[in-house]
């Protein structure tokens, strides 16, 4: 469909820009935290806990007694609902893993290639504290690791997190739980401290400090993705219901004042009605202080001239959550390629995925959906290739490898191939007599 830009569409409401200077300050602050944790270990964690969380735990690791207390204090219905969510996420992750199969294939006579699916050994799951105790957060990062078969799953969450979060981390399958939050938790999992083990990969969402820390430790450890503030976009035609559109947009807006909420529609009437409905619903929304500020800062409504432009704009936005409110949402869905997760039809609210329907709610933001999907069981395994070659295979591949190596001037490569091709001439080859 070609490229599209803001100049091609009409804005009923335009979002505000980002603070570049704040981003630079954030980068420097996080680098200092990482350096301190790397050099001073637990002592630095205690200092940052006192500074940022106003508490200094005697021990960072949550004890069995604390876990038992958290479980005992968990409301019975909340536990049932959390176990329902765990079961749904587990079932979907198991189905996803079943689609990934080991491979063995003989591509040429005697040339055997394949791959294995190997669980990552140790993963660190960051569990955000934030404005709300989002009980589904540990479920989304821990359960797929359990399904993948990771040997050690640790969870880090801020010391001030609701006790229910500790209970859910345990129910989801974390092997060890630590009361450390923020950028310092990411640094601890990447470099290790006296209390917290080094992990192979860090996953899970967090605030801007957590995200920046993940960016800076990437390479030392793997990460799932860099996640900015949450996003929702709705694609609508004139069949959409502005009341439902507004409710879904505000549901996501209450996450954080930086949440990006938007809609693109081919109907000016739906655009105006949704704008008015958002303002009306904010008047009696208990979380209006947050949702209203997010709408004020990052809310947007765009009018597109036709469906083709609507689809192009959706792909241009490449948003985290994309809801489709059109007459034939499945047909619309088949034309879109850039999204974190797709919500097809009026009934498929982001709220259901956020909480318990089974798809993972940790998704790419900041247009990263152009090149990646969200967190899933595949993020916890490695697809590692292997090969074995018999004498028939050497006859098939050695001579091309010899010629290519000679052309490239890589004579050690050429020798290594010739040794297999001409085993009776190993001494001559290694002594340079055939160079």
Protein backbone atom coordinates (compact mmCIF):
# COMPACT_ATOMS: atom_id res chain seq x y z
CA UNK A 1 0.00 0.00 0.00
CA UNK A 2 3.02 2.29 0.13
CA UNK A 3 4.04 4.67 2.88
CA UNK A 4 1.77 6.95 4.83
CA UNK A 5 2.46 9.89 7.10
CA UNK A 6 0.61 12.26 9.40
CA UNK A 7 0.23 14.65 6.49
CA UNK A 8 -1.98 12.11 4.71
CA UNK A 9 -4.64 11.89 7.42
CA UNK A 10 -6.83 14.33 9.33
CA UNK A 11 -6.33 14.66 13.08
CA UNK A 12 -9.33 15.38 15.27
CA UNK A 13 -6.96 15.22 18.25
CA UNK A 14 -3.16 15.16 18.07
CA UNK A 15 -0.85 13.71 20.77
CA UNK A 16 1.85 15.74 22.48
CA UNK A 17 5.54 15.09 21.80
CA UNK A 18 8.12 13.39 24.02
CA UNK A 19 10.71 15.08 26.27
CA UNK A 20 14.10 14.34 24.67
CA UNK A 21 16.08 15.95 27.51
CA UNK A 22 14.28 13.76 30.04
CA UNK A 23 15.32 10.71 28.01
CA UNK A 24 19.00 11.74 28.20
CA UNK A 25 18.81 12.27 31.95
CA UNK A 26 17.17 8.87 32.35
CA UNK A 27 19.98 7.16 30.43
CA UNK A 28 22.66 8.65 32.68
CA UNK A 29 20.77 7.86 35.89
CA UNK A 30 20.26 4.22 34.93
CA UNK A 31 23.89 3.81 33.88
CA UNK A 32 24.98 4.99 37.31
CA UNK A 33 22.62 2.52 39.00
CA UNK A 34 23.92 -0.38 36.91
CA UNK A 35 27.55 0.56 37.61
CA UNK A 36 26.89 0.75 41.36
CA UNK A 37 25.11 -2.61 41.50
CA UNK A 38 27.80 -4.23 39.40
CA UNK A 39 30.55 -2.94 41.69
CA UNK A 40 28.90 -3.09 45.12
CA UNK A 41 26.29 -5.84 44.82
CA UNK A 42 23.86 -6.18 47.70
CA UNK A 43 25.17 -3.03 49.40
CA UNK A 44 24.09 -0.97 46.40
CA UNK A 45 20.70 -2.72 46.35
CA UNK A 46 20.17 -1.76 49.99
CA UNK A 47 21.06 1.86 49.28
CA UNK A 48 18.73 2.09 46.31
CA UNK A 49 15.95 0.32 48.20
CA UNK A 50 16.21 2.92 50.94
CA UNK A 51 16.36 5.77 48.42
CA UNK A 52 13.61 4.74 46.04
CA UNK A 53 11.41 2.40 48.07
CA UNK A 54 11.89 3.91 51.53
CA UNK A 55 12.65 0.50 53.01
CA UNK A 56 15.64 -1.77 53.51
CA UNK A 57 14.72 -5.47 53.64
CA UNK A 58 16.74 -7.65 56.02
CA UNK A 59 16.89 -10.21 53.24
CA UNK A 60 16.09 -9.66 49.59
CA UNK A 61 14.81 -13.18 48.98
CA UNK A 62 11.23 -13.85 49.97
CA UNK A 63 11.15 -16.64 52.56
CA UNK A 64 8.87 -19.65 52.59
CA UNK A 65 7.14 -18.13 55.59
CA UNK A 66 6.46 -14.91 53.66
CA UNK A 67 5.10 -16.89 50.74
CA UNK A 68 2.82 -18.88 53.03
CA UNK A 69 1.62 -15.67 54.66
CA UNK A 70 0.92 -14.08 51.27
CA UNK A 71 -1.04 -17.14 50.16
CA UNK A 72 -3.01 -17.17 53.39
CA UNK A 73 -3.88 -13.52 53.00
CA UNK A 74 -5.02 -13.89 49.39
CA UNK A 75 -8.74 -13.46 48.99
CA UNK A 76 -10.22 -16.87 48.00
CA UNK A 77 -12.01 -15.51 44.94
CA UNK A 78 -8.89 -13.61 43.86
CA UNK A 79 -6.94 -16.85 44.14
CA UNK A 80 -9.50 -18.71 42.04
CA UNK A 81 -9.48 -15.98 39.40
CA UNK A 82 -5.68 -15.94 39.33
CA UNK A 83 -5.53 -19.72 39.01
CA UNK A 84 -8.01 -19.44 36.14
CA UNK A 85 -5.72 -16.94 34.41
CA UNK A 86 -2.69 -19.17 35.06
CA UNK A 87 -4.50 -22.15 33.54
CA UNK A 88 -5.52 -20.16 30.45
CA UNK A 89 -2.04 -18.76 29.83
CA UNK A 90 -0.52 -22.19 30.44
CA UNK A 91 -2.90 -23.88 28.01
CA UNK A 92 -2.16 -21.40 25.24
CA UNK A 93 1.61 -21.55 25.88
CA UNK A 94 1.51 -25.36 25.73
CA UNK A 95 -0.32 -25.20 22.41
CA UNK A 96 2.23 -22.74 21.08
CA UNK A 97 5.15 -24.90 22.20
CA UNK A 98 3.56 -27.90 20.48
CA UNK A 99 3.90 -26.09 17.15
CA UNK A 100 7.69 -25.99 17.61
CA UNK A 101 9.27 -29.32 16.70
CA UNK A 102 12.82 -30.67 16.60
CA UNK A 103 14.11 -31.17 13.06
CA UNK A 104 16.33 -33.74 11.34
CA UNK A 105 16.69 -33.67 7.56
CA UNK A 106 19.15 -35.14 5.02
CA UNK A 107 19.50 -32.26 2.55
CA UNK A 108 21.98 -34.14 0.36
CA UNK A 109 23.12 -37.78 0.53
CA UNK A 110 25.18 -37.93 3.72
CA UNK A 111 24.52 -34.33 4.81
CA UNK A 112 22.37 -34.38 7.93
CA UNK A 113 21.09 -31.08 9.34
CA UNK A 114 18.73 -30.36 12.19
CA UNK A 115 17.80 -28.27 15.16
CA UNK A 116 16.88 -28.80 18.79
CA UNK A 117 14.54 -26.78 20.96
CA UNK A 118 16.44 -26.06 24.16
CA UNK A 119 14.95 -24.24 27.16
CA UNK A 120 16.91 -21.26 28.44
CA UNK A 121 18.51 -22.35 31.70
CA UNK A 122 17.87 -19.37 33.98
CA UNK A 123 15.40 -16.55 33.40
CA UNK A 124 14.66 -13.48 35.46
CA UNK A 125 11.09 -12.20 35.41
CA UNK A 126 10.61 -8.59 36.39
CA UNK A 127 7.24 -8.00 38.03
CA UNK A 128 6.25 -4.33 38.13
CA UNK A 129 4.78 -2.68 41.21
CA UNK A 130 3.38 0.48 39.68
CA UNK A 131 0.13 2.26 40.34
CA UNK A 132 -1.93 -0.94 40.64
CA UNK A 133 -1.17 -4.48 41.83
CA UNK A 134 -1.59 -6.00 38.36
CA UNK A 135 -1.99 -9.64 39.35
CA UNK A 136 -1.77 -10.87 35.78
CA UNK A 137 1.75 -9.42 35.30
CA UNK A 138 3.68 -12.28 36.95
CA UNK A 139 1.42 -14.80 35.25
CA UNK A 140 2.40 -13.53 31.81
CA UNK A 141 6.15 -13.72 32.38
CA UNK A 142 6.47 -16.75 34.67
CA UNK A 143 3.98 -19.28 33.27
CA UNK A 144 5.52 -19.48 29.76
CA UNK A 145 8.91 -20.06 31.38
CA UNK A 146 7.43 -22.97 33.31
CA UNK A 147 5.90 -24.42 30.14
CA UNK A 148 9.19 -23.99 28.25
CA UNK A 149 11.01 -25.99 30.92
CA UNK A 150 13.48 -23.39 32.20
CA UNK A 151 15.63 -24.80 35.02
CA UNK A 152 15.50 -21.75 37.27
CA UNK A 153 12.88 -19.01 37.21
CA UNK A 154 13.44 -16.06 39.50
CA UNK A 155 11.10 -13.13 40.00
CA UNK A 156 12.00 -9.64 41.18
CA UNK A 157 9.36 -7.19 42.37
CA UNK A 158 9.53 -3.92 44.30
CA UNK A 159 9.65 -4.22 48.12
CA UNK A 160 6.42 -2.26 48.38
CA UNK A 161 4.50 -4.51 46.02
CA UNK A 162 1.16 -5.83 47.29
CA UNK A 163 1.57 -9.18 49.12
CA UNK A 164 -0.83 -10.71 46.59
CA UNK A 165 1.87 -10.22 43.96
CA UNK A 166 4.20 -12.50 45.94
CA UNK A 167 1.42 -15.10 46.16
CA UNK A 168 0.79 -14.98 42.41
CA UNK A 169 4.51 -15.24 41.61
CA UNK A 170 4.55 -18.45 43.64
CA UNK A 171 1.34 -19.85 42.13
CA UNK A 172 2.60 -19.05 38.62
CA UNK A 173 5.71 -21.16 39.23
CA UNK A 174 8.61 -18.91 40.23
CA UNK A 175 11.38 -20.90 41.93
CA UNK A 176 12.78 -17.92 43.85
CA UNK A 177 11.31 -14.47 44.54
CA UNK A 178 13.27 -11.34 45.45
CA UNK A 179 12.08 -8.00 46.83
CA UNK A 180 14.12 -5.75 44.56
CA UNK A 181 12.58 -3.34 42.08
CA UNK A 182 13.48 -0.80 39.43
CA UNK A 183 16.64 -0.53 37.36
CA UNK A 184 18.63 -2.00 40.25
CA UNK A 185 16.71 -5.28 39.92
CA UNK A 186 17.59 -5.52 36.24
CA UNK A 187 21.23 -4.79 37.02
CA UNK A 188 21.24 -7.44 39.76
CA UNK A 189 19.84 -10.12 37.47
CA UNK A 190 22.28 -9.20 34.71
CA UNK A 191 25.47 -9.07 36.80
CA UNK A 192 24.53 -11.00 39.93
CA UNK A 193 24.98 -10.00 43.57
CA UNK A 194 25.63 -11.90 46.79
CA UNK A 195 21.90 -12.66 46.97
CA UNK A 196 20.61 -12.65 43.41
CA UNK A 197 21.92 -15.08 40.79
CA UNK A 198 22.97 -14.11 37.28
CA UNK A 199 20.30 -15.02 34.73
CA UNK A 200 20.55 -15.77 31.05
CA UNK A 201 17.58 -13.66 30.01
CA UNK A 202 15.47 -10.91 31.59
CA UNK A 203 11.80 -10.59 30.69
CA UNK A 204 8.83 -8.57 31.82
CA UNK A 205 7.59 -4.99 31.58
CA UNK A 206 8.35 -2.08 33.87
CA UNK A 207 8.61 1.68 34.04
CA UNK A 208 10.99 3.88 32.06
CA UNK A 209 13.89 3.08 34.41
CA UNK A 210 13.37 -0.66 34.05
CA UNK A 211 13.11 -0.37 30.28
CA UNK A 212 16.29 1.68 30.03
CA UNK A 213 18.11 -0.76 32.28
CA UNK A 214 17.09 -3.64 30.04
CA UNK A 215 18.42 -1.73 27.06
CA UNK A 216 21.75 -1.16 28.75
CA UNK A 217 22.29 -4.73 29.97
CA UNK A 218 21.29 -6.31 26.64
CA UNK A 219 24.23 -8.32 25.38
CA UNK A 220 25.33 -9.30 28.85
CA UNK A 221 21.97 -11.02 29.09
CA UNK A 222 19.14 -11.53 26.67
CA UNK A 223 15.96 -9.49 26.99
CA UNK A 224 12.47 -10.04 25.66
CA UNK A 225 11.95 -6.53 24.26
CA UNK A 226 12.15 -2.86 25.08
CA UNK A 227 8.74 -1.76 26.27
CA UNK A 228 7.58 1.82 26.45
CA UNK A 229 4.30 3.04 27.92
CA UNK A 230 1.26 0.97 27.06
CA UNK A 231 -0.60 1.63 23.80
CA UNK A 232 -4.01 0.94 22.36
CA UNK A 233 -5.32 1.80 18.94
CA UNK A 234 -8.77 1.15 17.57
CA UNK A 235 -9.64 0.81 13.89
CA UNK A 236 -13.30 1.62 13.28
CA UNK A 237 -15.80 2.20 10.52
CA UNK A 238 -19.30 3.67 10.79
CA UNK A 239 -20.66 0.45 12.34
CA UNK A 240 -18.71 0.97 15.59
CA UNK A 241 -20.30 1.92 18.91
CA UNK A 242 -18.65 5.09 20.34
CA UNK A 243 -19.59 4.08 23.89
CA UNK A 244 -17.61 0.85 23.64
CA UNK A 245 -14.74 2.55 21.82
CA UNK A 246 -14.45 5.15 24.56
CA UNK A 247 -14.65 2.54 27.32
CA UNK A 248 -11.85 0.47 25.78
CA UNK A 249 -9.61 3.48 25.20
CA UNK A 250 -10.07 4.70 28.77
CA UNK A 251 -9.48 1.19 30.14
CA UNK A 252 -5.98 1.30 28.72
CA UNK A 253 -5.48 4.97 29.55
CA UNK A 254 -5.82 4.32 33.27
CA UNK A 255 -2.56 2.33 33.24
CA UNK A 256 -0.37 5.41 33.24
CA UNK A 257 -0.40 9.08 32.31
CA UNK A 258 2.02 8.25 29.48
CA UNK A 259 -0.24 5.60 27.90
CA UNK A 260 -0.91 6.24 24.23
CA UNK A 261 -4.55 5.82 23.25
CA UNK A 262 -5.89 6.42 19.78
CA UNK A 263 -8.39 5.63 17.11
CA UNK A 264 -8.45 5.79 13.35
CA UNK A 265 -11.79 5.74 11.54
CA UNK A 266 -13.29 6.32 8.14
CA UNK A 267 -16.30 7.98 9.77
CA UNK A 268 -16.13 11.63 10.91
CA UNK A 269 -19.36 11.02 12.84
CA UNK A 270 -17.84 8.14 14.81
CA UNK A 271 -14.72 10.23 15.43
CA UNK A 272 -16.66 13.12 16.91
CA UNK A 273 -19.03 10.90 18.87
CA UNK A 274 -16.15 8.93 20.39
CA UNK A 275 -14.35 12.13 21.37
CA UNK A 276 -17.48 13.36 23.13
CA UNK A 277 -18.07 9.98 24.76
CA UNK A 278 -14.54 9.89 26.18
CA UNK A 279 -15.07 13.30 27.76
CA UNK A 280 -18.43 12.18 29.15
CA UNK A 281 -17.13 8.91 30.62
CA UNK A 282 -14.19 10.68 32.23
CA UNK A 283 -16.65 12.70 34.31
CA UNK A 284 -17.62 9.67 36.40
CA UNK A 285 -14.55 7.43 36.05
CA UNK A 286 -12.87 6.78 39.45
CA UNK A 287 -9.43 6.66 37.78
CA UNK A 288 -10.02 9.80 35.72
CA UNK A 289 -6.99 11.54 37.19
CA UNK A 290 -4.71 9.09 35.40
CA UNK A 291 -6.86 8.19 32.40
CA UNK A 292 -7.78 11.80 31.73
CA UNK A 293 -4.17 12.95 31.83
CA UNK A 294 -3.16 10.14 29.45
CA UNK A 295 -5.97 11.15 27.09
CA UNK A 296 -4.93 14.79 27.31
CA UNK A 297 -1.26 14.07 26.65
CA UNK A 298 -1.24 11.12 24.26
CA UNK A 299 -4.80 10.69 23.02
CA UNK A 300 -5.40 10.91 19.29
CA UNK A 301 -8.21 10.50 16.82
CA UNK A 302 -7.51 10.24 13.11
CA UNK A 303 -9.86 10.28 10.13
CA UNK A 304 -8.86 8.26 7.08
CA UNK A 305 -10.51 8.71 3.68
CA UNK A 306 -11.15 4.99 3.02
CA UNK A 307 -10.40 1.48 4.22
CA UNK A 308 -7.15 1.27 2.26
CA UNK A 309 -5.79 4.30 4.06
CA UNK A 310 -7.14 2.97 7.36
CA UNK A 311 -5.17 -0.26 6.93
CA UNK A 312 -2.05 1.65 5.91
CA UNK A 313 -2.33 3.86 8.99
CA UNK A 314 -2.74 0.83 11.27
CA UNK A 315 0.45 -0.70 9.84
CA UNK A 316 2.22 2.66 10.16
CA UNK A 317 1.30 2.88 13.86
CA UNK A 318 2.34 -0.76 14.54
CA UNK A 319 0.70 -0.43 17.93
CA UNK A 320 0.88 -2.70 20.95
CA UNK A 321 -2.84 -3.49 21.12
CA UNK A 322 -4.94 -3.12 17.98
CA UNK A 323 -8.72 -3.46 18.19
CA UNK A 324 -10.84 -3.86 15.06
CA UNK A 325 -14.40 -2.51 15.18
CA UNK A 326 -15.54 -2.93 11.59
CA UNK A 327 -18.42 -4.66 9.83
CA UNK A 328 -16.21 -7.59 8.82
CA UNK A 329 -13.37 -7.53 11.36
CA UNK A 330 -11.89 -10.84 10.20
CA UNK A 331 -11.54 -9.48 6.69
CA UNK A 332 -9.95 -6.33 8.10
CA UNK A 333 -7.59 -8.43 10.19
CA UNK A 334 -6.34 -10.35 7.17
CA UNK A 335 -5.05 -7.10 5.64
CA UNK A 336 -3.03 -5.84 8.62
CA UNK A 337 0.49 -7.02 9.40
CA UNK A 338 1.94 -4.73 12.10
CA UNK A 339 0.54 -5.16 15.62
CA UNK A 340 1.55 -6.56 18.99
CA UNK A 341 -1.72 -8.39 19.49
CA UNK A 342 -4.89 -8.15 17.43
CA UNK A 343 -8.38 -7.94 18.90
CA UNK A 344 -10.87 -8.92 16.24
CA UNK A 345 -14.41 -7.64 16.62
CA UNK A 346 -16.33 -5.70 19.22
CA UNK A 347 -16.30 -8.48 21.82
CA UNK A 348 -12.52 -8.88 21.85
CA UNK A 349 -11.53 -6.22 24.36
CA UNK A 350 -7.90 -5.72 25.33
CA UNK A 351 -9.07 -6.11 28.92
CA UNK A 352 -9.63 -9.84 28.44
CA UNK A 353 -6.06 -10.38 27.24
CA UNK A 354 -4.72 -8.07 29.94
CA UNK A 355 -6.26 -10.27 32.60
CA UNK A 356 -7.07 -13.85 31.80
CA UNK A 357 -8.07 -15.07 28.32
CA UNK A 358 -4.69 -16.70 27.65
CA UNK A 359 -2.73 -14.60 25.17
CA UNK A 360 0.26 -12.82 26.65
CA UNK A 361 -0.17 -9.16 27.50
CA UNK A 362 3.55 -8.32 27.36
CA UNK A 363 3.73 -6.85 23.87
CA UNK A 364 5.94 -4.64 21.68
CA UNK A 365 5.46 -0.88 21.91
CA UNK A 366 6.99 2.13 20.16
CA UNK A 367 6.26 0.62 16.71
CA UNK A 368 8.44 -2.42 17.47
CA UNK A 369 5.56 -4.54 16.15
CA UNK A 370 7.05 -3.82 12.72
CA UNK A 371 9.70 -6.46 13.45
CA UNK A 372 8.67 -8.52 16.47
CA UNK A 373 5.75 -10.05 18.27
CA UNK A 374 5.07 -10.17 21.99
CA UNK A 375 6.30 -12.34 24.83
CA UNK A 376 5.47 -16.01 24.28
CA UNK A 377 6.75 -19.45 25.17
CA UNK A 378 9.20 -19.25 22.25
CA UNK A 379 11.02 -16.44 24.05
CA UNK A 380 12.16 -18.97 26.67
CA UNK A 381 13.74 -21.50 24.31
CA UNK A 382 16.62 -21.50 21.86
CA UNK A 383 16.42 -23.06 18.40
CA UNK A 384 19.94 -24.43 17.99
CA UNK A 385 21.09 -26.08 14.78
CA UNK A 386 23.41 -29.05 14.38
CA UNK A 387 24.90 -31.07 11.55
CA UNK A 388 26.66 -34.37 10.97
CA UNK A 389 28.21 -35.45 7.70
CA UNK A 390 29.25 -38.92 6.54
CA UNK A 391 31.62 -39.83 3.70
CA UNK A 392 28.87 -39.42 1.10
CA UNK A 393 28.23 -35.94 2.46
CA UNK A 394 31.90 -34.96 2.19
CA UNK A 395 31.77 -35.81 -1.50
CA UNK A 396 28.84 -33.44 -1.87
CA UNK A 397 30.02 -30.37 0.10
CA UNK A 398 33.81 -30.41 0.46
CA UNK A 399 34.81 -29.42 -3.08
CA UNK A 400 32.49 -26.35 -3.21
CA UNK A 401 33.85 -25.34 0.22
CA UNK A 402 37.45 -25.72 -1.03
CA UNK A 403 36.77 -23.57 -4.10
CA UNK A 404 34.92 -20.89 -2.18
CA UNK A 405 37.64 -20.69 0.49
CA UNK A 406 40.34 -20.37 -2.19
CA UNK A 407 38.38 -17.61 -3.92
CA UNK A 408 38.04 -15.73 -0.66
CA UNK A 409 41.73 -16.17 0.18
CA UNK A 410 40.88 -18.08 3.37
CA UNK A 411 43.54 -20.77 3.09
CA UNK A 412 43.03 -22.27 6.55
CA UNK A 413 39.40 -22.84 5.65
CA UNK A 414 40.50 -24.44 2.38
CA UNK A 415 42.89 -26.76 4.22
CA UNK A 416 40.23 -27.80 6.76
CA UNK A 417 37.91 -28.79 3.91
CA UNK A 418 40.63 -30.58 1.91
CA UNK A 419 41.66 -32.68 4.91
CA UNK A 420 38.20 -34.26 4.82
CA UNK A 421 38.11 -34.50 1.04
CA UNK A 422 41.62 -36.02 0.75
CA UNK A 423 42.26 -37.87 4.03
CA UNK A 424 45.29 -39.66 2.55
CA UNK A 425 46.97 -36.28 2.00
CA UNK A 426 46.61 -34.81 5.50
CA UNK A 427 50.37 -34.45 6.01
CA UNK A 428 50.85 -32.80 2.63
CA UNK A 429 47.97 -30.43 3.25
CA UNK A 430 48.98 -29.41 6.78
CA UNK A 431 52.64 -29.01 5.72
CA UNK A 432 51.62 -26.63 2.98
CA UNK A 433 52.72 -28.94 0.14
CA UNK A 434 49.38 -28.51 -1.64
CA UNK A 435 49.09 -24.71 -1.17
